[in-house]
Every structure is written in structure tokens, then in C-alpha cells.
Protein backbone atom coordinates (compact mmCIF):
# COMPACT_ATOMS: atom_id res chain seq x y z
CA UNK A 1 29.78 82.57 168.51
CA UNK A 2 29.44 83.35 164.85
CA UNK A 3 29.69 87.05 165.65
CA UNK A 4 32.89 86.55 167.68
CA UNK A 5 34.36 84.43 164.90
CA UNK A 6 33.57 87.07 162.31
CA UNK A 7 35.19 89.75 164.45
CA UNK A 8 38.23 87.58 164.93
CA UNK A 9 38.51 86.99 161.20
CA UNK A 10 38.27 90.71 160.52
CA UNK A 11 40.93 91.48 163.13
CA UNK A 12 43.20 88.82 161.66
CA UNK A 13 42.70 90.19 158.15
CA UNK A 14 43.48 93.67 159.39
CA UNK A 15 46.62 92.43 161.08
CA UNK A 16 47.73 90.63 157.94
CA UNK A 17 46.91 93.65 155.77
CA UNK A 18 48.70 95.92 158.19
CA UNK A 19 51.67 93.61 158.20
CA UNK A 20 51.79 93.66 154.41
CA UNK A 21 51.55 97.43 154.35
CA UNK A 22 54.23 97.68 157.03
CA UNK A 23 56.38 95.24 155.09
CA UNK A 24 56.17 97.37 151.96
CA UNK A 25 56.82 100.48 154.01
CA UNK A 26 59.95 98.92 155.47
CA UNK A 27 61.24 97.66 152.11
CA UNK A 28 63.72 99.78 150.14
CA UNK A 29 64.80 99.07 146.55
CA UNK A 30 68.23 100.28 145.45
CA UNK A 31 68.41 100.51 141.60
CA UNK A 32 71.32 99.07 139.65
CA UNK A 33 74.27 101.47 139.59
CA UNK A 34 73.28 103.10 142.89
CA UNK A 35 74.01 102.69 146.56
CA UNK A 36 71.91 103.84 149.49
CA UNK A 37 73.12 105.59 152.64
CA UNK A 38 71.03 104.69 155.68
CA UNK A 39 70.20 107.52 158.03
CA UNK A 40 68.93 106.53 161.45
CA UNK A 41 66.57 109.18 162.77
CA UNK A 42 67.58 108.25 166.29
CA UNK A 43 71.33 108.38 165.82
CA UNK A 44 72.22 109.87 162.44
CA UNK A 45 74.33 108.08 159.82
CA UNK A 46 75.32 104.69 161.15
CA UNK A 47 77.74 103.83 158.32
CA UNK A 48 75.43 101.32 156.66
CA UNK A 49 75.50 101.48 152.86
CA UNK A 50 73.02 99.42 150.86
CA UNK A 51 73.95 97.98 147.48
CA UNK A 52 71.53 97.40 144.61
CA UNK A 53 68.49 95.21 145.28
CA UNK A 54 65.70 94.98 147.88
CA UNK A 55 66.40 95.65 151.56
CA UNK A 56 64.36 95.64 154.78
CA UNK A 57 64.78 98.99 156.53
CA UNK A 58 63.30 99.93 159.88
CA UNK A 59 60.66 102.68 159.83
CA UNK A 60 62.96 104.87 161.88
CA UNK A 61 65.57 104.85 159.10
CA UNK A 62 65.74 106.78 155.84
CA UNK A 63 67.73 105.78 152.72
CA UNK A 64 69.28 108.32 150.34
CA UNK A 65 70.60 107.02 147.02
CA UNK A 66 73.72 108.04 145.13
CA UNK A 67 74.84 106.96 141.67
CA UNK A 68 78.07 104.96 141.60
CA UNK A 69 77.64 104.32 137.87
CA UNK A 70 78.65 106.96 135.34
CA UNK A 71 76.05 109.70 134.95
CA UNK A 72 76.03 112.05 131.96
CA UNK A 73 75.12 115.69 132.46
CA UNK A 74 75.01 118.78 130.29
CA UNK A 75 75.39 122.52 130.56
CA UNK A 76 73.99 123.43 127.18
CA UNK A 77 71.37 125.30 125.23
CA UNK A 78 70.64 122.20 123.17
CA UNK A 79 67.58 120.05 123.70
CA UNK A 80 69.66 117.07 124.78
CA UNK A 81 70.46 118.78 128.09
CA UNK A 82 69.12 117.42 131.36
CA UNK A 83 67.33 120.71 132.05
CA UNK A 84 64.57 122.47 130.07
CA UNK A 85 66.49 125.72 130.55
CA UNK A 86 69.41 127.11 128.58
CA UNK A 87 72.39 126.18 130.77
CA UNK A 88 75.16 127.30 128.43
CA UNK A 89 77.45 129.82 130.13
CA UNK A 90 80.10 132.45 129.47
CA UNK A 91 83.76 132.12 130.39
CA UNK A 92 86.38 134.90 130.60
CA UNK A 93 89.71 134.95 128.75
CA UNK A 94 93.09 136.40 129.63
CA UNK A 95 92.72 139.13 126.99
CA UNK A 96 89.45 140.46 128.37
CA UNK A 97 87.09 138.67 126.00
CA UNK A 98 84.16 136.42 126.89
CA UNK A 99 83.25 133.18 125.18
CA UNK A 100 79.92 131.37 125.27
CA UNK A 101 80.32 127.62 125.73
CA UNK A 102 78.28 124.45 125.89
CA UNK A 103 79.80 121.70 127.97
CA UNK A 104 79.07 118.08 128.82
CA UNK A 105 80.55 116.06 131.65
CA UNK A 106 80.17 112.68 133.27
CA UNK A 107 80.55 111.89 136.96
CA UNK A 108 79.76 109.40 139.72
CA UNK A 109 79.94 109.22 143.51
CA UNK A 110 82.76 107.31 145.17
CA UNK A 111 81.06 104.25 146.66
CA UNK A 112 83.63 104.05 149.46
CA UNK A 113 82.89 107.63 150.60
CA UNK A 114 79.15 108.10 150.06
CA UNK A 115 78.50 108.19 153.81
CA UNK A 116 80.92 111.13 154.07
CA UNK A 117 79.27 112.78 151.06
CA UNK A 118 75.86 112.32 152.69
CA UNK A 119 77.06 114.09 155.83
CA UNK A 120 78.92 116.78 153.91
CA UNK A 121 75.82 117.71 151.92
CA UNK A 122 73.43 117.26 154.86
CA UNK A 123 71.53 114.33 153.47
CA UNK A 124 70.77 115.76 150.05
CA UNK A 125 70.34 113.20 147.29
CA UNK A 126 72.76 112.73 144.43
CA UNK A 127 70.36 114.38 141.98
CA UNK A 128 69.99 117.43 144.19
CA UNK A 129 73.75 117.63 144.68
CA UNK A 130 74.19 117.59 140.91
CA UNK A 131 71.80 120.51 140.38
CA UNK A 132 72.80 122.63 143.36
CA UNK A 133 76.52 121.93 143.66
CA UNK A 134 78.13 120.03 140.79
CA UNK A 135 76.81 122.14 137.93
CA UNK A 136 77.51 125.53 139.56
CA UNK A 137 81.03 124.42 140.50
CA UNK A 138 81.72 123.12 137.01
CA UNK A 139 80.86 126.59 135.70
CA UNK A 140 82.94 128.42 138.31
CA UNK A 141 86.02 126.21 137.99
CA UNK A 142 85.85 126.22 134.18
CA UNK A 143 85.98 130.01 134.35
CA UNK A 144 89.09 129.81 136.54
CA UNK A 145 90.87 127.73 133.89
CA UNK A 146 89.72 129.79 130.89
CA UNK A 147 90.96 133.03 132.49
CA UNK A 148 94.54 131.85 131.86
CA UNK A 149 94.15 131.67 128.07
CA UNK A 150 93.52 134.21 125.30
CA UNK A 151 90.37 133.81 123.25
CA UNK A 152 92.34 132.72 120.17
CA UNK A 153 93.64 129.69 122.09
CA UNK A 154 90.26 128.70 123.52
CA UNK A 155 88.53 129.03 120.18
CA UNK A 156 91.48 127.86 118.10
CA UNK A 157 94.26 125.31 118.04
CA UNK A 158 94.75 125.07 121.84
CA UNK A 159 91.21 123.93 122.54
CA UNK A 160 92.24 120.30 123.08
CA UNK A 161 95.01 121.25 125.52
CA UNK A 162 92.66 123.52 127.49
CA UNK A 163 90.05 120.75 127.62
CA UNK A 164 92.65 118.35 129.03
CA UNK A 165 93.73 120.88 131.67
CA UNK A 166 90.09 121.48 132.66
CA UNK A 167 89.53 117.75 133.00
CA UNK A 168 92.44 117.43 135.42
CA UNK A 169 91.45 120.56 137.35
CA UNK A 170 87.85 119.44 137.89
CA UNK A 171 88.93 115.96 138.96
CA UNK A 172 91.13 117.46 141.67
CA UNK A 173 88.49 119.95 142.82
CA UNK A 174 85.61 117.49 143.11
CA UNK A 175 87.60 114.63 144.61
CA UNK A 176 87.50 116.03 148.15
CA UNK A 177 83.70 115.83 148.03
CA UNK A 178 83.66 112.16 147.06
CA UNK A 179 82.58 113.07 143.52
CA UNK A 180 84.56 111.59 140.64
CA UNK A 181 84.64 113.49 137.35
CA UNK A 182 85.01 111.00 134.51
CA UNK A 183 85.07 113.21 131.40
CA UNK A 184 84.65 116.88 130.47
CA UNK A 185 84.22 118.20 126.93
CA UNK A 186 83.41 121.50 125.27
CA UNK A 187 80.67 120.73 122.75
CA UNK A 188 80.34 124.23 121.33
CA UNK A 189 82.25 127.51 121.62
CA UNK A 190 80.96 130.74 120.13
CA UNK A 191 82.29 134.30 119.98
CA UNK A 192 81.16 137.64 118.57
CA UNK A 193 81.87 138.57 114.94
CA UNK A 194 84.83 140.83 115.76
CA UNK A 195 86.55 138.15 117.77
CA UNK A 196 85.79 135.51 115.14
CA UNK A 197 87.41 137.74 112.47
CA UNK A 198 90.52 138.19 114.64
CA UNK A 199 90.76 134.46 115.20
CA UNK A 200 90.39 133.77 111.48
CA UNK A 201 93.16 136.28 110.78
CA UNK A 202 95.45 134.48 113.19
CA UNK A 203 94.59 131.09 111.68
CA UNK A 204 95.28 132.42 108.17
CA UNK A 205 98.62 133.88 109.26
CA UNK A 206 99.56 130.62 110.91
CA UNK A 207 98.64 128.66 107.80
CA UNK A 208 100.75 131.00 105.66
CA UNK A 209 103.66 130.58 108.05
CA UNK A 210 103.30 126.82 107.93
CA UNK A 211 103.19 126.95 104.12
CA UNK A 212 106.32 129.11 104.06
CA UNK A 213 108.07 126.68 106.38
CA UNK A 214 107.05 123.78 104.17
CA UNK A 215 108.35 125.58 101.08
CA UNK A 216 111.61 126.45 102.84
CA UNK A 217 112.00 122.87 103.96
CA UNK A 218 111.29 121.64 100.44
CA UNK A 219 113.88 124.04 99.03
CA UNK A 220 116.40 122.86 101.61
CA UNK A 221 115.76 119.24 100.72
CA UNK A 222 116.12 120.06 97.00
CA UNK A 223 119.36 121.94 97.66
CA UNK A 224 120.71 118.99 99.59
CA UNK A 225 119.65 116.72 96.75
CA UNK A 226 121.35 118.95 94.15
CA UNK A 227 124.46 119.10 96.32
CA UNK A 228 124.55 115.33 96.52
CA UNK A 229 124.08 115.00 92.76
CA UNK A 230 126.93 117.47 92.19
CA UNK A 231 129.14 115.59 94.64
CA UNK A 232 128.46 112.29 92.91
CA UNK A 233 129.13 113.88 89.51
CA UNK A 234 132.41 115.35 90.77
CA UNK A 235 133.49 112.05 92.25
CA UNK A 236 132.56 110.31 89.00
CA UNK A 237 134.60 112.84 87.00
CA UNK A 238 137.60 112.34 89.29
CA UNK A 239 137.34 108.58 88.98
CA UNK A 240 137.04 108.87 85.19
CA UNK A 241 140.03 111.22 84.99
CA UNK A 242 142.11 108.96 87.19
CA UNK A 243 141.11 105.98 85.05
CA UNK A 244 142.06 107.83 81.86
CA UNK A 245 145.35 108.94 83.38
CA UNK A 246 146.08 105.41 84.49
CA UNK A 247 145.25 104.09 81.02
CA UNK A 248 147.56 106.69 79.46
CA UNK A 249 150.32 105.79 81.91
CA UNK A 250 149.95 102.12 81.13
CA UNK A 251 149.98 102.83 77.36
CA UNK A 252 153.07 105.04 77.71
CA UNK A 253 154.88 102.43 79.74
CA UNK A 254 153.92 99.78 77.20
CA UNK A 255 155.19 101.93 74.32
CA UNK A 256 158.38 102.70 76.21
CA UNK A 257 158.93 99.03 76.92
CA UNK A 258 158.35 98.21 73.26
CA UNK A 259 160.79 100.90 72.16
CA UNK A 260 163.35 99.65 74.66
CA UNK A 261 163.03 96.13 73.36
CA UNK A 262 163.40 97.35 69.79
CA UNK A 263 166.37 99.51 70.69
CA UNK A 264 168.07 96.65 72.44
CA UNK A 265 167.54 94.43 69.40
CA UNK A 266 169.08 96.91 66.87
CA UNK A 267 172.71 95.77 66.60
CA UNK A 268 175.14 97.52 64.18
CA UNK A 269 175.07 94.51 61.87
CA UNK A 270 171.24 94.54 61.82
CA UNK A 271 171.19 98.27 61.09
CA UNK A 272 173.57 97.78 58.16
CA UNK A 273 171.47 94.91 56.92
CA UNK A 274 168.30 97.00 57.08
CA UNK A 275 170.02 99.88 55.28
CA UNK A 276 171.17 97.55 52.58
CA UNK A 277 167.72 96.05 52.22
CA UNK A 278 166.15 99.49 51.91
CA UNK A 279 168.77 100.95 49.40
CA UNK A 280 167.54 101.16 45.81
CA UNK A 281 171.06 101.14 44.30
CA UNK A 282 171.18 104.88 43.47
CA UNK A 283 173.57 107.38 44.98
CA UNK A 284 172.16 110.69 46.19
CA UNK A 285 172.41 113.82 44.01
CA UNK A 286 173.12 117.12 45.72
CA UNK A 287 172.29 120.44 44.06
CA UNK A 288 173.20 123.87 45.34
CA UNK A 289 172.57 127.53 44.59
CA UNK A 290 173.12 128.88 41.10
CA UNK A 291 174.67 126.48 38.60
CA UNK A 292 176.72 124.60 41.14
CA UNK A 293 175.97 120.95 40.74
CA UNK A 294 177.77 118.19 42.44
CA UNK A 295 177.57 114.90 40.61
CA UNK A 296 178.78 111.85 42.26
CA UNK A 297 179.98 109.41 39.63
CA UNK A 298 178.64 105.95 39.54
CA UNK A 299 180.88 104.21 41.88
CA UNK A 300 179.76 100.92 40.56
CA UNK A 301 181.49 101.52 37.25
CA UNK A 302 184.95 100.09 36.91
CA UNK A 303 187.82 102.68 37.10
CA UNK A 304 189.79 103.55 33.89
CA UNK A 305 193.29 102.10 34.01
């Protein structure tokens, strides 16, 4: 009996242990920021998508995870890249030059289309898709955009505009695969010495042109200012002249009015009175040429009878 009981206990322990092992084998953990596509080995993708957390999955099913949170990736020679290899790459330009670039981008998988993505890429995981599809396509499609621009634009003042165009272009290209491009940025652009010298020459010429434009604008502003000052001075002179003329007119009118009043007040009697008041009692003496002298006798003396 003891032997049978021992065997039974062992069998029970094995069953429990097997159940625990089976339980762990059938448990799938989906990390935060990921979803899992369930593939049924008997019937293919059944449309089931697992969100983050622990899930019980039948042994006949396989789960492939995809990131639905933003993932950062690099195509660079720097140590911060997600590959031990130098993944910087060359891009062509419209003027036949080549430019070496380092680029970083961020992406994620569209949670609503991961089942389609799974089928499209034949069950490959998100990490594998990044290395075998996303990175090569980023390089190829970046080269398509850069081929429309001369090297001086890519390396110079149009870099921001080109970056924006590349961002839009990659978004459109990757969207049909259920891959969302969040950001794209050139982190480094390098050219050979000859090209760098040509670019510097263009930048210098542009700076000189801008300086000339600024000087011309400043001269124009100064000319306008001088013109305004001259206009104000002219207007002031006109106003002053008009004021002086008006003052002279008023003074002339006043003098004329005064003379008129005086003239009107000079009666014959008043004139005679004034003449009498001003006469000193002497008669005038008139002398002529030679010895001709006219003496007017003193009329005040009494006549001789």
C-alpha cells in the first residue's frame, strides 16, 4: 500500500510540475509599448492582437511582437547607433556630386494594421523588419529626394527644407506597410574639400549680396529721411514767409488806415493853424546867381505915409 501511495504521489507531483511547465509554456508576456500578433499554426493569422501584459496562448499558436510606441533608430558612424557597424551612407545630388550623411529617424507600427504587416512581411518581427526593410528603404528613398537638389543646397541653406521634404516623402512611402515614420533628421553631412570650398564661396557671395542689399536699403531709408526733412523745412519756410507777408500786409493796412484818418482830420483851418504855430516870424530870403539878391522887406514894419 505504501508503495502504491508513493507512486501515486510521484505521479501527482509530475502532473502538477508538468502543468506548471505547460502553463509557463502557454503564457506570453507583451511588453509595454508593444502588441502581439497571434499566428495559429493550424489556420494562419486569426486576427487576434494582444495588448501589453500576460496572456494565455495555446501551444499551437505563436505570437510576434511589434512596437506601437516610438522607436529611435540611427544610420550613422557614431557610437550611439543601434548597430556596431558604420551605417552612414552616401546620397547623390543633382549636380553629380555625392554627400556622406548620418541620419536618425523614429518610427512605430500602426496598431490597427499590425496583422496586415505581419502577413505582408511573412511573420518577421518588428526588429527584423527594421533591419532588413526599414533601414534599407530609408537609404534608398533619401537618395531619391537628394537627387533633386545640388550639393550646395543640401550642405547649405536649404538643408532644413530638404529635411522637411524627406520627412513627408518617407511618411508617404512607409504608410502602405503599416509603418509610421515620426521624425527624420540629418545629424551630419560631409563633403570633399573641393566641394566644401565651392560651398564656402557661394556662402560668402551670398553674405556679400545680403550686405549690399542691407546697405542699399539703409541708403534708401536715409534718402527718404533726408527727403522728409527737406520737405518739412520747405513747408516751414513757406509758412514763415506767408506769416511774414501777412504781418507786412497787416502793418501796411494799419499804416494806411492811420494815414487816412490823419488825412481826413487835416482841415484847411487846422493846416493854417499848424503853419502858424510852426512859423518863427521870419520871412524867407532868396538868393540867386551872381550878385542878384532879392530882399523881401519886413512886412511887419508900418508903411511910410
